[in-house]
PDB file of N, CA and C in Angstrom:
ATOM      1  N   UNK A   1    -116.115  81.441  -8.323  1.00  0.00           N
ATOM      2  CA  UNK A   1    -115.057  80.526  -8.682  1.00  0.00           C
ATOM      3  C   UNK A   1    -114.378  80.045  -7.406  1.00  0.00           C
ATOM      4  N   UNK A   2    -114.218  78.740  -7.297  1.00  0.00           N
ATOM      5  CA  UNK A   2    -113.587  78.152  -6.123  1.00  0.00           C
ATOM      6  C   UNK A   2    -112.117  77.870  -6.394  1.00  0.00           C
ATOM      7  N   UNK A   3    -111.289  78.166  -5.429  1.00  0.00           N
ATOM      8  CA  UNK A   3    -109.862  77.854  -5.530  1.00  0.00           C
ATOM      9  C   UNK A   3    -109.626  76.449  -4.990  1.00  0.00           C
ATOM     10  N   UNK A   4    -108.711  75.761  -5.592  1.00  0.00           N
ATOM     11  CA  UNK A   4    -108.385  74.412  -5.142  1.00  0.00           C
ATOM     12  C   UNK A   4    -107.414  74.465  -3.970  1.00  0.00           C
ATOM     13  N   UNK A   5    -107.705  73.660  -2.962  1.00  0.00           N
ATOM     14  CA  UNK A   5    -106.832  73.578  -1.795  1.00  0.00           C
ATOM     15  C   UNK A   5    -106.156  72.216  -1.708  1.00  0.00           C
ATOM     16  N   UNK A   6    -106.172  71.488  -2.788  1.00  0.00           N
ATOM     17  CA  UNK A   6    -105.583  70.153  -2.749  1.00  0.00           C
ATOM     18  C   UNK A   6    -104.065  70.246  -2.637  1.00  0.00           C
ATOM     19  N   UNK A   7    -103.516  69.274  -1.932  1.00  0.00           N
ATOM     20  CA  UNK A   7    -102.075  69.247  -1.713  1.00  0.00           C
ATOM     21  C   UNK A   7    -101.359  68.595  -2.888  1.00  0.00           C
ATOM     22  N   UNK A   8    -100.188  69.115  -3.160  1.00  0.00           N
ATOM     23  CA  UNK A   8     -99.317  68.473  -4.141  1.00  0.00           C
ATOM     24  C   UNK A   8     -98.730  67.226  -3.490  1.00  0.00           C
ATOM     25  N   UNK A   9     -98.653  66.122  -4.219  1.00  0.00           N
ATOM     26  CA  UNK A   9     -98.060  64.920  -3.635  1.00  0.00           C
ATOM     27  C   UNK A   9     -96.586  65.143  -3.287  1.00  0.00           C
ATOM     28  N   UNK A  10     -96.116  64.374  -2.344  1.00  0.00           N
ATOM     29  CA  UNK A  10     -94.700  64.350  -1.995  1.00  0.00           C
ATOM     30  C   UNK A  10     -94.167  62.988  -2.419  1.00  0.00           C
ATOM     31  N   UNK A  11     -93.214  62.975  -3.335  1.00  0.00           N
ATOM     32  CA  UNK A  11     -92.631  61.722  -3.826  1.00  0.00           C
ATOM     33  C   UNK A  11     -91.434  61.342  -2.967  1.00  0.00           C
ATOM     34  N   UNK A  12     -91.478  60.138  -2.435  1.00  0.00           N
ATOM     35  CA  UNK A  12     -90.421  59.635  -1.564  1.00  0.00           C
ATOM     36  C   UNK A  12     -90.378  58.122  -1.732  1.00  0.00           C
ATOM     37  N   UNK A  13     -89.175  57.536  -1.759  1.00  0.00           N
ATOM     38  CA  UNK A  13     -89.115  56.077  -1.807  1.00  0.00           C
ATOM     39  C   UNK A  13     -87.849  55.553  -1.158  1.00  0.00           C
ATOM     40  N   UNK A  14     -87.937  54.297  -0.774  1.00  0.00           N
ATOM     41  CA  UNK A  14     -86.781  53.586  -0.243  1.00  0.00           C
ATOM     42  C   UNK A  14     -86.447  52.437  -1.185  1.00  0.00           C
ATOM     43  N   UNK A  15     -85.183  52.116  -1.225  1.00  0.00           N
ATOM     44  CA  UNK A  15     -84.743  50.937  -1.964  1.00  0.00           C
ATOM     45  C   UNK A  15     -84.537  49.859  -0.916  1.00  0.00           C
ATOM     46  N   UNK A  16     -85.413  48.865  -0.929  1.00  0.00           N
ATOM     47  CA  UNK A  16     -85.427  47.857   0.126  1.00  0.00           C
ATOM     48  C   UNK A  16     -84.445  46.720  -0.128  1.00  0.00           C
ATOM     49  N   UNK A  17     -84.125  46.506  -1.367  1.00  0.00           N
ATOM     50  CA  UNK A  17     -83.171  45.454  -1.717  1.00  0.00           C
ATOM     51  C   UNK A  17     -82.370  45.974  -2.901  1.00  0.00           C
ATOM     52  N   UNK A  18     -81.049  45.932  -2.780  1.00  0.00           N
ATOM     53  CA  UNK A  18     -80.222  46.399  -3.880  1.00  0.00           C
ATOM     54  C   UNK A  18     -79.318  47.557  -3.513  1.00  0.00           C
ATOM     55  N   UNK A  19     -79.224  47.885  -2.237  1.00  0.00           N
ATOM     56  CA  UNK A  19     -78.375  48.995  -1.775  1.00  0.00           C
ATOM     57  C   UNK A  19     -77.231  48.437  -0.955  1.00  0.00           C
ATOM     58  N   UNK A  20     -76.018  48.892  -1.065  1.00  0.00           N
ATOM     59  CA  UNK A  20     -75.602  49.999  -1.939  1.00  0.00           C
ATOM     60  C   UNK A  20     -75.402  49.559  -3.380  1.00  0.00           C
ATOM     61  N   UNK A  21     -75.324  48.253  -3.585  1.00  0.00           N
ATOM     62  CA  UNK A  21     -75.204  47.769  -4.957  1.00  0.00           C
ATOM     63  C   UNK A  21     -75.885  46.413  -5.066  1.00  0.00           C
ATOM     64  N   UNK A  22     -76.131  46.023  -6.288  1.00  0.00           N
ATOM     65  CA  UNK A  22     -76.780  44.750  -6.561  1.00  0.00           C
ATOM     66  C   UNK A  22     -76.062  44.107  -7.737  1.00  0.00           C
ATOM     67  N   UNK A  23     -76.242  42.820  -7.887  1.00  0.00           N
ATOM     68  CA  UNK A  23     -75.627  42.107  -9.002  1.00  0.00           C
ATOM     69  C   UNK A  23     -76.599  42.021 -10.173  1.00  0.00           C
ATOM     70  N   UNK A  24     -76.037  41.816 -11.365  1.00  0.00           N
ATOM     71  CA  UNK A  24     -76.857  41.624 -12.557  1.00  0.00           C
ATOM     72  C   UNK A  24     -77.858  40.502 -12.288  1.00  0.00           C
ATOM     73  N   UNK A  25     -79.108  40.714 -12.681  1.00  0.00           N
ATOM     74  CA  UNK A  25     -80.231  39.782 -12.560  1.00  0.00           C
ATOM     75  C   UNK A  25     -80.711  39.538 -11.131  1.00  0.00           C
ATOM     76  N   UNK A  26     -80.204  40.288 -10.145  1.00  0.00           N
ATOM     77  CA  UNK A  26     -80.782  40.261  -8.798  1.00  0.00           C
ATOM     78  C   UNK A  26     -81.921  41.277  -8.735  1.00  0.00           C
ATOM     79  N   UNK A  27     -82.931  41.008  -7.911  1.00  0.00           N
ATOM     80  CA  UNK A  27     -84.034  41.955  -7.748  1.00  0.00           C
ATOM     81  C   UNK A  27     -83.573  43.217  -7.032  1.00  0.00           C
ATOM     82  N   UNK A  28     -83.994  44.365  -7.549  1.00  0.00           N
ATOM     83  CA  UNK A  28     -83.907  45.641  -6.847  1.00  0.00           C
ATOM     84  C   UNK A  28     -85.351  45.987  -6.497  1.00  0.00           C
ATOM     85  N   UNK A  29     -85.651  46.119  -5.198  1.00  0.00           N
ATOM     86  CA  UNK A  29     -87.022  46.364  -4.744  1.00  0.00           C
ATOM     87  C   UNK A  29     -87.142  47.778  -4.197  1.00  0.00           C
ATOM     88  N   UNK A  30     -88.227  48.461  -4.592  1.00  0.00           N
ATOM     89  CA  UNK A  30     -88.477  49.831  -4.151  1.00  0.00           C
ATOM     90  C   UNK A  30     -89.863  49.936  -3.529  1.00  0.00           C
ATOM     91  N   UNK A  31     -90.021  50.926  -2.647  1.00  0.00           N
ATOM     92  CA  UNK A  31     -91.280  51.106  -1.929  1.00  0.00           C
ATOM     93  C   UNK A  31     -91.524  52.600  -1.748  1.00  0.00           C
ATOM     94  N   UNK A  32     -92.707  53.061  -2.135  1.00  0.00           N
ATOM     95  CA  UNK A  32     -93.068  54.475  -2.044  1.00  0.00           C
ATOM     96  C   UNK A  32     -93.976  54.765  -0.856  1.00  0.00           C
ATOM     97  N   UNK A  33     -93.941  53.929   0.180  1.00  0.00           N
ATOM     98  CA  UNK A  33     -94.830  54.113   1.335  1.00  0.00           C
ATOM     99  C   UNK A  33     -94.624  55.460   2.025  1.00  0.00           C
ATOM    100  N   UNK A  34     -93.441  56.045   1.901  1.00  0.00           N
ATOM    101  CA  UNK A  34     -93.189  57.341   2.538  1.00  0.00           C
ATOM    102  C   UNK A  34     -93.740  58.514   1.721  1.00  0.00           C
ATOM    103  N   UNK A  35     -94.234  58.272   0.509  1.00  0.00           N
ATOM    104  CA  UNK A  35     -94.865  59.326  -0.287  1.00  0.00           C
ATOM    105  C   UNK A  35     -96.209  59.696   0.328  1.00  0.00           C
ATOM    106  N   UNK A  36     -96.596  60.949   0.177  1.00  0.00           N
ATOM    107  CA  UNK A  36     -97.879  61.399   0.722  1.00  0.00           C
ATOM    108  C   UNK A  36     -98.727  62.049  -0.368  1.00  0.00           C
ATOM    109  N   UNK A  37    -100.049  61.985  -0.168  1.00  0.00           N
ATOM    110  CA  UNK A  37    -101.033  62.616  -1.052  1.00  0.00           C
ATOM    111  C   UNK A  37    -100.918  62.153  -2.504  1.00  0.00           C
ATOM    112  N   UNK A  38    -100.540  60.894  -2.694  1.00  0.00           N
ATOM    113  CA  UNK A  38    -100.428  60.326  -4.042  1.00  0.00           C
ATOM    114  C   UNK A  38    -101.381  59.147  -4.175  1.00  0.00           C
ATOM    115  N   UNK A  39    -101.935  58.981  -5.373  1.00  0.00           N
ATOM    116  CA  UNK A  39    -102.795  57.824  -5.613  1.00  0.00           C
ATOM    117  C   UNK A  39    -102.324  56.976  -6.797  1.00  0.00           C
ATOM    118  N   UNK A  40    -101.251  57.397  -7.463  1.00  0.00           N
ATOM    119  CA  UNK A  40    -100.648  56.549  -8.490  1.00  0.00           C
ATOM    120  C   UNK A  40     -99.147  56.821  -8.544  1.00  0.00           C
ATOM    121  N   UNK A  41     -98.427  55.800  -8.998  1.00  0.00           N
ATOM    122  CA  UNK A  41     -96.966  55.845  -8.970  1.00  0.00           C
ATOM    123  C   UNK A  41     -96.413  55.288 -10.276  1.00  0.00           C
ATOM    124  N   UNK A  42     -95.415  55.963 -10.821  1.00  0.00           N
ATOM    125  CA  UNK A  42     -94.721  55.492 -12.015  1.00  0.00           C
ATOM    126  C   UNK A  42     -93.235  55.407 -11.695  1.00  0.00           C
ATOM    127  N   UNK A  43     -92.679  54.216 -11.892  1.00  0.00           N
ATOM    128  CA  UNK A  43     -91.251  53.970 -11.677  1.00  0.00           C
ATOM    129  C   UNK A  43     -90.561  53.895 -13.029  1.00  0.00           C
ATOM    130  N   UNK A  44     -89.475  54.626 -13.186  1.00  0.00           N
ATOM    131  CA  UNK A  44     -88.626  54.521 -14.368  1.00  0.00           C
ATOM    132  C   UNK A  44     -87.266  54.041 -13.877  1.00  0.00           C
ATOM    133  N   UNK A  45     -86.809  52.933 -14.432  1.00  0.00           N
ATOM    134  CA  UNK A  45     -85.640  52.235 -13.904  1.00  0.00           C
ATOM    135  C   UNK A  45     -84.312  52.716 -14.474  1.00  0.00           C
ATOM    136  N   UNK A  46     -84.330  53.586 -15.449  1.00  0.00           N
ATOM    137  CA  UNK A  46     -83.094  54.122 -16.007  1.00  0.00           C
ATOM    138  C   UNK A  46     -82.485  53.279 -17.107  1.00  0.00           C
ATOM    139  N   UNK A  47     -83.150  52.178 -17.442  1.00  0.00           N
ATOM    140  CA  UNK A  47     -82.683  51.314 -18.532  1.00  0.00           C
ATOM    141  C   UNK A  47     -83.757  51.133 -19.604  1.00  0.00           C
ATOM    142  N   UNK A  48     -84.760  52.016 -19.589  1.00  0.00           N
ATOM    143  CA  UNK A  48     -85.848  51.938 -20.564  1.00  0.00           C
ATOM    144  C   UNK A  48     -87.086  51.227 -20.058  1.00  0.00           C
ATOM    145  N   UNK A  49     -86.989  50.534 -18.935  1.00  0.00           N
ATOM    146  CA  UNK A  49     -88.131  49.811 -18.362  1.00  0.00           C
ATOM    147  C   UNK A  49     -88.880  50.714 -17.380  1.00  0.00           C
ATOM    148  N   UNK A  50     -90.152  50.390 -17.151  1.00  0.00           N
ATOM    149  CA  UNK A  50     -90.957  51.136 -16.178  1.00  0.00           C
ATOM    150  C   UNK A  50     -91.975  50.202 -15.533  1.00  0.00           C
ATOM    151  N   UNK A  51     -92.506  50.625 -14.391  1.00  0.00           N
ATOM    152  CA  UNK A  51     -93.523  49.881 -13.652  1.00  0.00           C
ATOM    153  C   UNK A  51     -94.455  50.876 -12.983  1.00  0.00           C
ATOM    154  N   UNK A  52     -95.588  50.367 -12.497  1.00  0.00           N
ATOM    155  CA  UNK A  52     -96.519  51.182 -11.727  1.00  0.00           C
ATOM    156  C   UNK A  52     -96.802  50.494 -10.398  1.00  0.00           C
ATOM    157  N   UNK A  53     -97.403  51.240  -9.485  1.00  0.00           N
ATOM    158  CA  UNK A  53     -97.746  50.707  -8.175  1.00  0.00           C
ATOM    159  C   UNK A  53     -96.869  51.310  -7.097  1.00  0.00           C
ATOM    160  N   UNK A  54     -97.305  51.193  -5.849  1.00  0.00           N
ATOM    161  CA  UNK A  54     -96.541  51.789  -4.749  1.00  0.00           C
ATOM    162  C   UNK A  54     -95.278  51.002  -4.416  1.00  0.00           C
ATOM    163  N   UNK A  55     -95.229  49.743  -4.823  1.00  0.00           N
ATOM    164  CA  UNK A  55     -94.011  48.942  -4.691  1.00  0.00           C
ATOM    165  C   UNK A  55     -93.702  48.317  -6.047  1.00  0.00           C
ATOM    166  N   UNK A  56     -92.437  48.038  -6.268  1.00  0.00           N
ATOM    167  CA  UNK A  56     -92.046  47.421  -7.538  1.00  0.00           C
ATOM    168  C   UNK A  56     -90.692  46.749  -7.361  1.00  0.00           C
ATOM    169  N   UNK A  57     -90.379  45.856  -8.291  1.00  0.00           N
ATOM    170  CA  UNK A  57     -89.045  45.264  -8.313  1.00  0.00           C
ATOM    171  C   UNK A  57     -88.605  45.117  -9.758  1.00  0.00           C
ATOM    172  N   UNK A  58     -87.282  45.095  -9.930  1.00  0.00           N
ATOM    173  CA  UNK A  58     -86.724  45.102 -11.278  1.00  0.00           C
ATOM    174  C   UNK A  58     -85.388  44.376 -11.275  1.00  0.00           C
ATOM    175  N   UNK A  59     -85.087  43.721 -12.366  1.00  0.00           N
ATOM    176  CA  UNK A  59     -83.791  43.072 -12.556  1.00  0.00           C
ATOM    177  C   UNK A  59     -83.068  43.780 -13.701  1.00  0.00           C
ATOM    178  N   UNK A  60     -81.857  44.211 -13.438  1.00  0.00           N
ATOM    179  CA  UNK A  60     -81.019  44.810 -14.473  1.00  0.00           C
ATOM    180  C   UNK A  60     -80.201  43.706 -15.130  1.00  0.00           C
ATOM    181  N   UNK A  61     -80.056  43.779 -16.450  1.00  0.00           N
ATOM    182  CA  UNK A  61     -79.299  42.745 -17.157  1.00  0.00           C
ATOM    183  C   UNK A  61     -77.931  43.233 -17.623  1.00  0.00           C
ATOM    184  N   UNK A  62     -77.489  44.373 -17.092  1.00  0.00           N
ATOM    185  CA  UNK A  62     -76.168  44.911 -17.419  1.00  0.00           C
ATOM    186  C   UNK A  62     -75.622  45.642 -16.201  1.00  0.00           C
ATOM    187  N   UNK A  63     -74.309  45.684 -16.102  1.00  0.00           N
ATOM    188  CA  UNK A  63     -73.670  46.423 -15.017  1.00  0.00           C
ATOM    189  C   UNK A  63     -73.681  47.920 -15.332  1.00  0.00           C
ATOM    190  N   UNK A  64     -73.642  48.736 -14.285  1.00  0.00           N
ATOM    191  CA  UNK A  64     -73.593  50.183 -14.461  1.00  0.00           C
ATOM    192  C   UNK A  64     -74.304  50.888 -13.327  1.00  0.00           C
ATOM    193  N   UNK A  65     -74.344  52.195 -13.404  1.00  0.00           N
ATOM    194  CA  UNK A  65     -75.075  53.010 -12.437  1.00  0.00           C
ATOM    195  C   UNK A  65     -76.339  53.509 -13.111  1.00  0.00           C
ATOM    196  N   UNK A  66     -77.480  53.269 -12.484  1.00  0.00           N
ATOM    197  CA  UNK A  66     -78.775  53.607 -13.055  1.00  0.00           C
ATOM    198  C   UNK A  66     -79.525  54.537 -12.111  1.00  0.00           C
ATOM    199  N   UNK A  67     -80.297  55.456 -12.682  1.00  0.00           N
ATOM    200  CA  UNK A  67     -81.118  56.366 -11.893  1.00  0.00           C
ATOM    201  C   UNK A  67     -82.548  55.846 -11.874  1.00  0.00           C
ATOM    202  N   UNK A  68     -83.037  55.537 -10.683  1.00  0.00           N
ATOM    203  CA  UNK A  68     -84.428  55.115 -10.502  1.00  0.00           C
ATOM    204  C   UNK A  68     -85.239  56.369 -10.219  1.00  0.00           C
ATOM    205  N   UNK A  69     -86.256  56.621 -11.033  1.00  0.00           N
ATOM    206  CA  UNK A  69     -87.080  57.822 -10.898  1.00  0.00           C
ATOM    207  C   UNK A  69     -88.507  57.424 -10.524  1.00  0.00           C
ATOM    208  N   UNK A  70     -89.042  58.071  -9.508  1.00  0.00           N
ATOM    209  CA  UNK A  70     -90.432  57.875  -9.096  1.00  0.00           C
ATOM    210  C   UNK A  70     -91.214  59.144  -9.380  1.00  0.00           C
ATOM    211  N   UNK A  71     -92.346  58.999 -10.071  1.00  0.00           N
ATOM    212  CA  UNK A  71     -93.302  60.086 -10.233  1.00  0.00           C
ATOM    213  C   UNK A  71     -94.558  59.692  -9.477  1.00  0.00           C
ATOM    214  N   UNK A  72     -94.898  60.485  -8.463  1.00  0.00           N
ATOM    215  CA  UNK A  72     -96.105  60.255  -7.661  1.00  0.00           C
ATOM    216  C   UNK A  72     -97.160  61.258  -8.114  1.00  0.00           C
ATOM    217  N   UNK A  73     -98.370  60.768  -8.388  1.00  0.00           N
ATOM    218  CA  UNK A  73     -99.447  61.633  -8.873  1.00  0.00           C
ATOM    219  C   UNK A  73    -100.627  61.582  -7.922  1.00  0.00           C
ATOM    220  N   UNK A  74    -101.252  62.734  -7.727  1.00  0.00           N
ATOM    221  CA  UNK A  74    -102.450  62.837  -6.908  1.00  0.00           C
ATOM    222  C   UNK A  74    -103.008  64.239  -6.979  1.00  0.00           C
ATOM    223  N   UNK A  75    -104.310  64.372  -6.836  1.00  0.00           N
ATOM    224  CA  UNK A  75    -104.970  65.683  -6.854  1.00  0.00           C
ATOM    225  C   UNK A  75    -104.634  66.470  -8.125  1.00  0.00           C
ATOM    226  N   UNK A  76    -104.547  65.775  -9.265  1.00  0.00           N
ATOM    227  CA  UNK A  76    -104.220  66.387 -10.556  1.00  0.00           C
ATOM    228  C   UNK A  76    -102.868  67.084 -10.559  1.00  0.00           C
ATOM    229  N   UNK A  77    -101.971  66.634  -9.701  1.00  0.00           N
ATOM    230  CA  UNK A  77    -100.627  67.190  -9.621  1.00  0.00           C
ATOM    231  C   UNK A  77     -99.631  66.039  -9.527  1.00  0.00           C
ATOM    232  N   UNK A  78     -98.354  66.348  -9.684  1.00  0.00           N
ATOM    233  CA  UNK A  78     -97.345  65.291  -9.588  1.00  0.00           C
ATOM    234  C   UNK A  78     -96.060  65.823  -8.964  1.00  0.00           C
ATOM    235  N   UNK A  79     -95.267  64.894  -8.471  1.00  0.00           N
ATOM    236  CA  UNK A  79     -93.951  65.196  -7.906  1.00  0.00           C
ATOM    237  C   UNK A  79     -93.019  64.055  -8.276  1.00  0.00           C
ATOM    238  N   UNK A  80     -91.751  64.359  -8.430  1.00  0.00           N
ATOM    239  CA  UNK A  80     -90.780  63.330  -8.779  1.00  0.00           C
ATOM    240  C   UNK A  80     -89.578  63.371  -7.835  1.00  0.00           C
ATOM    241  N   UNK A  81     -88.945  62.235  -7.719  1.00  0.00           N
ATOM    242  CA  UNK A  81     -87.690  62.114  -6.990  1.00  0.00           C
ATOM    243  C   UNK A  81     -86.906  60.979  -7.625  1.00  0.00           C
ATOM    244  N   UNK A  82     -85.620  60.944  -7.373  1.00  0.00           N
ATOM    245  CA  UNK A  82     -84.809  59.878  -7.965  1.00  0.00           C
ATOM    246  C   UNK A  82     -83.646  59.519  -7.048  1.00  0.00           C
ATOM    247  N   UNK A  83     -83.143  58.313  -7.248  1.00  0.00           N
ATOM    248  CA  UNK A  83     -81.970  57.800  -6.533  1.00  0.00           C
ATOM    249  C   UNK A  83     -81.196  56.912  -7.488  1.00  0.00           C
ATOM    250  N   UNK A  84     -79.925  56.750  -7.215  1.00  0.00           N
ATOM    251  CA  UNK A  84     -79.101  55.904  -8.069  1.00  0.00           C
ATOM    252  C   UNK A  84     -78.832  54.559  -7.413  1.00  0.00           C
ATOM    253  N   UNK A  85     -78.683  53.564  -8.259  1.00  0.00           N
ATOM    254  CA  UNK A  85     -78.302  52.227  -7.817  1.00  0.00           C
ATOM    255  C   UNK A  85     -77.171  51.755  -8.735  1.00  0.00           C
ATOM    256  N   UNK A  86     -76.213  51.072  -8.157  1.00  0.00           N
ATOM    257  CA  UNK A  86     -75.091  50.544  -8.930  1.00  0.00           C
ATOM    258  C   UNK A  86     -75.250  49.032  -9.070  1.00  0.00           C
ATOM    259  N   UNK A  87     -75.161  48.573 -10.293  1.00  0.00           N
ATOM    260  CA  UNK A  87     -75.271  47.148 -10.592  1.00  0.00           C
ATOM    261  C   UNK A  87     -73.881  46.648 -10.977  1.00  0.00           C
ATOM    262  N   UNK A  88     -73.452  45.574 -10.307  1.00  0.00           N
ATOM    263  CA  UNK A  88     -72.123  45.010 -10.562  1.00  0.00           C
ATOM    264  C   UNK A  88     -72.269  43.603 -11.131  1.00  0.00           C
ATOM    265  N   UNK A  89     -71.197  43.120 -11.722  1.00  0.00           N
ATOM    266  CA  UNK A  89     -71.244  41.774 -12.301  1.00  0.00           C
ATOM    267  C   UNK A  89     -71.106  40.711 -11.252  1.00  0.00           C
TER     268      UNK A  89
END
């Protein structure tokens, strides 16, 4: 029996547009280039919407504080991280 030596992915992302706050219907852009050992990405925007890919953008249609969650998957394993963004009117 062989043991697996595959690495668990490291989930990391930057918010490239929309920090420290963004307005309703402005793009919030995220990038997972700092993640390692991942081959797929799932973004959850905190308002019920989601996207895939190493980069994504989203428009919020309401004001509030939302948690953006990234799940990075690779080597049959996954890792998650999250950050908050504030949307103002």
